[in-house]
Amino acid sequence: MLKAIIFGAPGAGKGTYASRLQAKLGVDVISMGDIFRELIKENSDLARKVKGYMEKGALVPDDVVVEVLKAHLSKISKGKGFILDGYPRTLDQAKKLDAITPIDVIMQLNVPDWIIIERLSTRRICKNCGTVYNVKFLKPKVEGVCDKCGGPLYQRSDDNPETIKNRLKVYQEQTSPLIAFYKEKKIPFIELETKTLDQPPEPMVEKLFSELKKLKFV
């Protein structure tokens, strides 16, 4: 049963690769962003708590994020693995995660800033199911329409070069201690380098899959 984390800057391809690995590995992909979006549609104490923070534009505190994660992990079928996307983001979150579940492997996506800035400024996302497209390299079959569910595609307001540069800076500051934390724990790392702007996801997913096989997680 695979318990993995996929690390990478915004726009590195975490969601794209994780969703393709999900089909190949038969695991759950746990994206905290998606979980929060689904959760606030529910009528529960936890949903109301999360909604309260989000409506104020405040960051959801770590203890609440952990509560949400625990609730989601408890719903995963016994014996089924997972890939965590978008969590942990801080060293404190990593330590709290460590108390909940062991992690088998880290998949780290290394992508130059210039590629990320170009990718994100041309990214489009489905409003209904969250599938990610790119108007230059990963186009939907019909412009502005999701291939999977037929939902409308939109561009995030923070997908502009200046904001992206700031997000990359924050990511580097937050993630460096996380990488050191997991390396100290001797958790295996699979590092994937992207060097070209138009790199299709499929060969990269195959590389990740092949490395997981070598480590006997498949």
Protein backbone atom coordinates (compact mmCIF):
# COMPACT_ATOMS: atom_id res chain seq x y z
CA MET A 1 0.00 0.00 0.00
CA LEU A 2 1.70 3.17 -1.24
CA LYS A 3 1.71 6.30 0.95
CA ALA A 4 3.34 9.06 -1.05
CA ILE A 5 3.73 12.83 -1.14
CA ILE A 6 4.18 14.71 -4.40
CA PHE A 7 6.16 17.95 -3.99
CA GLY A 8 6.56 20.67 -6.57
CA ALA A 9 6.13 24.40 -6.98
CA PRO A 10 2.78 25.79 -8.17
CA GLY A 11 2.52 24.79 -11.83
CA ALA A 12 5.11 21.99 -11.59
CA GLY A 13 2.48 19.44 -12.65
CA LYS A 14 1.59 17.81 -9.31
CA GLY A 15 -2.13 17.47 -10.04
CA THR A 16 -1.56 16.32 -13.64
CA TYR A 17 0.95 13.63 -12.68
CA ALA A 18 -0.91 12.51 -9.56
CA SER A 19 -4.19 12.02 -11.44
CA ARG A 20 -2.44 9.88 -14.08
CA LEU A 21 -0.62 7.85 -11.43
CA GLN A 22 -3.94 7.35 -9.65
CA ALA A 23 -5.26 5.37 -12.62
CA LYS A 24 -2.05 3.32 -12.93
CA LEU A 25 -1.57 2.59 -9.22
CA GLY A 26 -5.16 2.33 -7.99
CA VAL A 27 -4.55 4.84 -5.18
CA ASP A 28 -6.45 7.87 -3.91
CA VAL A 29 -5.13 11.35 -4.68
CA ILE A 30 -5.61 13.63 -1.69
CA SER A 31 -5.55 17.25 -2.82
CA MET A 32 -6.25 19.50 0.16
CA GLY A 33 -7.51 22.28 -2.12
CA ASP A 34 -10.07 19.94 -3.71
CA ILE A 35 -11.06 18.53 -0.31
CA PHE A 36 -11.76 22.02 1.07
CA ARG A 37 -13.82 22.94 -2.00
CA GLU A 38 -15.94 19.80 -1.58
CA LEU A 39 -16.14 20.08 2.20
CA ILE A 40 -17.67 23.56 2.25
CA LYS A 41 -20.65 22.20 0.27
CA GLU A 42 -21.48 19.91 3.23
CA ASN A 43 -23.65 20.74 6.22
CA SER A 44 -21.36 19.63 9.05
CA ASP A 45 -19.58 21.29 11.99
CA LEU A 46 -16.21 20.80 10.29
CA ALA A 47 -17.50 22.29 7.02
CA ARG A 48 -18.88 25.34 8.85
CA LYS A 49 -15.55 25.79 10.66
CA VAL A 50 -13.57 25.70 7.40
CA LYS A 51 -16.08 27.92 5.59
CA GLY A 52 -15.78 30.54 8.36
CA TYR A 53 -12.04 30.91 7.78
CA MET A 54 -12.32 30.87 4.00
CA GLU A 55 -15.07 33.51 3.93
CA LYS A 56 -12.87 35.84 5.99
CA GLY A 57 -10.00 35.24 3.55
CA ALA A 58 -7.96 33.78 6.43
CA LEU A 59 -5.65 30.77 6.25
CA VAL A 60 -7.24 27.66 7.71
CA PRO A 61 -5.22 26.88 10.90
CA ASP A 62 -3.05 23.76 10.96
CA ASP A 63 -5.13 22.00 13.61
CA VAL A 64 -8.26 22.35 11.43
CA VAL A 65 -6.35 21.22 8.30
CA VAL A 66 -5.16 18.14 10.22
CA GLU A 67 -8.74 17.46 11.37
CA VAL A 68 -9.91 17.61 7.73
CA LEU A 69 -7.06 15.34 6.57
CA LYS A 70 -7.75 12.77 9.30
CA ALA A 71 -11.45 12.70 8.34
CA HIS A 72 -10.53 12.12 4.69
CA LEU A 73 -7.93 9.43 5.41
CA SER A 74 -10.49 7.54 7.49
CA LYS A 75 -12.71 7.27 4.39
CA ILE A 76 -10.03 5.56 2.26
CA SER A 77 -10.70 1.84 1.76
CA LYS A 78 -8.53 -0.44 3.89
CA GLY A 79 -5.41 -1.50 2.01
CA LYS A 80 -5.68 1.34 -0.53
CA GLY A 81 -2.78 3.77 -0.80
CA PHE A 82 -2.70 7.50 -1.45
CA ILE A 83 -0.73 10.36 -2.96
CA LEU A 84 -0.82 13.64 -1.00
CA ASP A 85 -0.86 16.73 -3.22
CA GLY A 86 -0.60 20.18 -1.59
CA TYR A 87 0.13 18.89 1.90
CA PRO A 88 2.24 19.27 3.94
CA ARG A 89 3.20 22.87 3.13
CA THR A 90 5.10 23.68 6.32
CA LEU A 91 7.47 21.87 8.68
CA ASP A 92 4.84 21.94 11.43
CA GLN A 93 2.32 20.28 9.10
CA ALA A 94 4.90 17.61 8.20
CA LYS A 95 5.44 16.80 11.87
CA LYS A 96 1.69 16.57 12.46
CA LEU A 97 1.30 14.33 9.42
CA ASP A 98 4.08 12.11 10.80
CA ALA A 99 1.94 11.51 13.89
CA ILE A 100 -1.04 10.44 11.72
CA THR A 101 0.53 8.16 9.11
CA PRO A 102 3.98 7.04 7.89
CA ILE A 103 5.11 8.18 4.42
CA ASP A 104 6.84 5.69 2.10
CA VAL A 105 8.22 7.91 -0.66
CA ILE A 106 8.51 11.53 -1.80
CA MET A 107 8.08 12.43 -5.47
CA GLN A 108 9.78 15.75 -6.07
CA LEU A 109 9.15 17.68 -9.30
CA ASN A 110 11.96 20.09 -10.17
CA VAL A 111 10.90 22.67 -12.76
CA PRO A 112 12.73 25.94 -13.60
CA ASP A 113 10.90 29.15 -12.64
CA TRP A 114 10.71 30.41 -16.24
CA ILE A 115 8.79 27.29 -17.31
CA ILE A 116 6.38 27.59 -14.36
CA ILE A 117 5.67 31.27 -15.08
CA GLU A 118 4.88 30.47 -18.73
CA ARG A 119 2.81 27.41 -17.80
CA LEU A 120 0.70 29.09 -15.12
CA SER A 121 -0.01 32.22 -17.13
CA THR A 122 -1.54 29.96 -19.84
CA ARG A 123 -3.26 27.50 -17.44
CA ARG A 124 -7.02 26.90 -17.46
CA ILE A 125 -9.00 24.92 -14.87
CA CYS A 126 -12.41 23.26 -15.03
CA LYS A 127 -14.89 24.95 -12.67
CA ASN A 128 -16.73 21.68 -12.08
CA CYS A 129 -14.13 18.92 -11.65
CA GLY A 130 -10.83 20.84 -11.32
CA THR A 131 -9.10 19.19 -14.32
CA VAL A 132 -6.14 21.32 -15.44
CA TYR A 133 -5.46 22.32 -19.06
CA ASN A 134 -3.03 24.62 -20.82
CA VAL A 135 -4.00 26.72 -23.84
CA LYS A 136 -0.59 26.04 -25.45
CA PHE A 137 0.46 22.52 -24.43
CA LEU A 138 -2.46 20.62 -22.94
CA LYS A 139 -5.48 21.91 -24.83
CA PRO A 140 -9.04 20.62 -24.33
CA LYS A 141 -10.72 19.09 -27.40
CA VAL A 142 -13.17 22.00 -27.47
CA GLU A 143 -11.86 25.43 -26.48
CA GLY A 144 -13.07 26.52 -23.05
CA VAL A 145 -14.80 23.18 -22.32
CA CYS A 146 -13.56 20.35 -20.08
CA ASP A 147 -13.01 17.01 -21.87
CA LYS A 148 -14.02 15.04 -18.75
CA CYS A 149 -17.23 16.68 -17.57
CA GLY A 150 -18.12 19.39 -20.08
CA GLY A 151 -17.68 22.13 -17.46
CA PRO A 152 -16.44 25.64 -18.29
CA LEU A 153 -12.72 26.40 -18.03
CA TYR A 154 -11.43 29.51 -16.24
CA GLN A 155 -8.15 31.25 -15.45
CA ARG A 156 -7.26 31.79 -11.78
CA SER A 157 -6.90 35.47 -10.83
CA ASP A 158 -3.45 34.76 -9.32
CA ASP A 159 -2.12 33.13 -12.50
CA ASN A 160 -0.23 36.25 -13.59
CA PRO A 161 3.59 36.63 -13.78
CA GLU A 162 4.09 38.94 -10.74
CA THR A 163 1.90 36.89 -8.40
CA ILE A 164 3.45 33.65 -9.69
CA LYS A 165 6.98 34.94 -8.89
CA ASN A 166 5.85 35.72 -5.35
CA ARG A 167 4.19 32.29 -4.96
CA LEU A 168 7.42 30.62 -6.12
CA LYS A 169 9.44 32.57 -3.53
CA VAL A 170 7.04 31.53 -0.75
CA TYR A 171 7.14 27.92 -1.97
CA GLN A 172 10.94 27.79 -1.86
CA GLU A 173 11.01 29.28 1.66
CA GLN A 174 8.41 26.81 2.94
CA THR A 175 9.61 23.69 1.15
CA SER A 176 13.36 23.72 1.82
CA PRO A 177 12.90 22.73 5.51
CA LEU A 178 10.39 20.03 4.43
CA ILE A 179 12.87 18.43 2.03
CA ALA A 180 15.53 18.42 4.78
CA PHE A 181 13.00 16.93 7.26
CA TYR A 182 12.16 13.96 5.00
CA LYS A 183 15.76 13.39 3.93
CA GLU A 184 16.81 13.22 7.59
CA LYS A 185 14.15 10.55 8.08
CA LYS A 186 15.76 8.56 5.22
CA ILE A 187 12.54 8.49 3.20
CA PRO A 188 13.26 7.59 -0.46
CA PHE A 189 13.08 10.49 -2.92
CA ILE A 190 12.18 10.23 -6.60
CA GLU A 191 13.30 13.44 -8.32
CA LEU A 192 11.95 14.36 -11.74
CA GLU A 193 13.54 17.14 -13.80
CA THR A 194 11.61 19.12 -16.40
CA LYS A 195 13.81 21.03 -18.84
CA THR A 196 11.51 21.97 -21.71
CA LEU A 197 8.36 24.08 -21.84
CA ASP A 198 6.37 21.67 -23.98
CA GLN A 199 7.20 18.49 -22.02
CA PRO A 200 4.16 16.17 -22.34
CA PRO A 201 3.07 14.58 -19.04
CA GLU A 202 2.87 10.93 -20.17
CA PRO A 203 6.64 10.16 -20.44
CA MET A 204 7.21 11.86 -17.06
CA VAL A 205 4.46 9.78 -15.46
CA GLU A 206 6.08 6.65 -16.92
CA LYS A 207 9.40 7.68 -15.34
CA LEU A 208 7.73 8.12 -11.94
CA PHE A 209 5.98 4.77 -12.33
CA SER A 210 9.26 3.07 -13.30
CA GLU A 211 11.06 4.52 -10.25
CA LEU A 212 8.23 3.40 -7.95
CA LYS A 213 8.62 -0.09 -9.44
CA LYS A 214 12.36 -0.08 -8.70
CA LEU A 215 11.58 0.80 -5.08
CA LYS A 216 9.04 -2.10 -5.06
CA PHE A 217 6.01 0.14 -4.41
CA VAL A 218 4.29 -1.28 -7.50
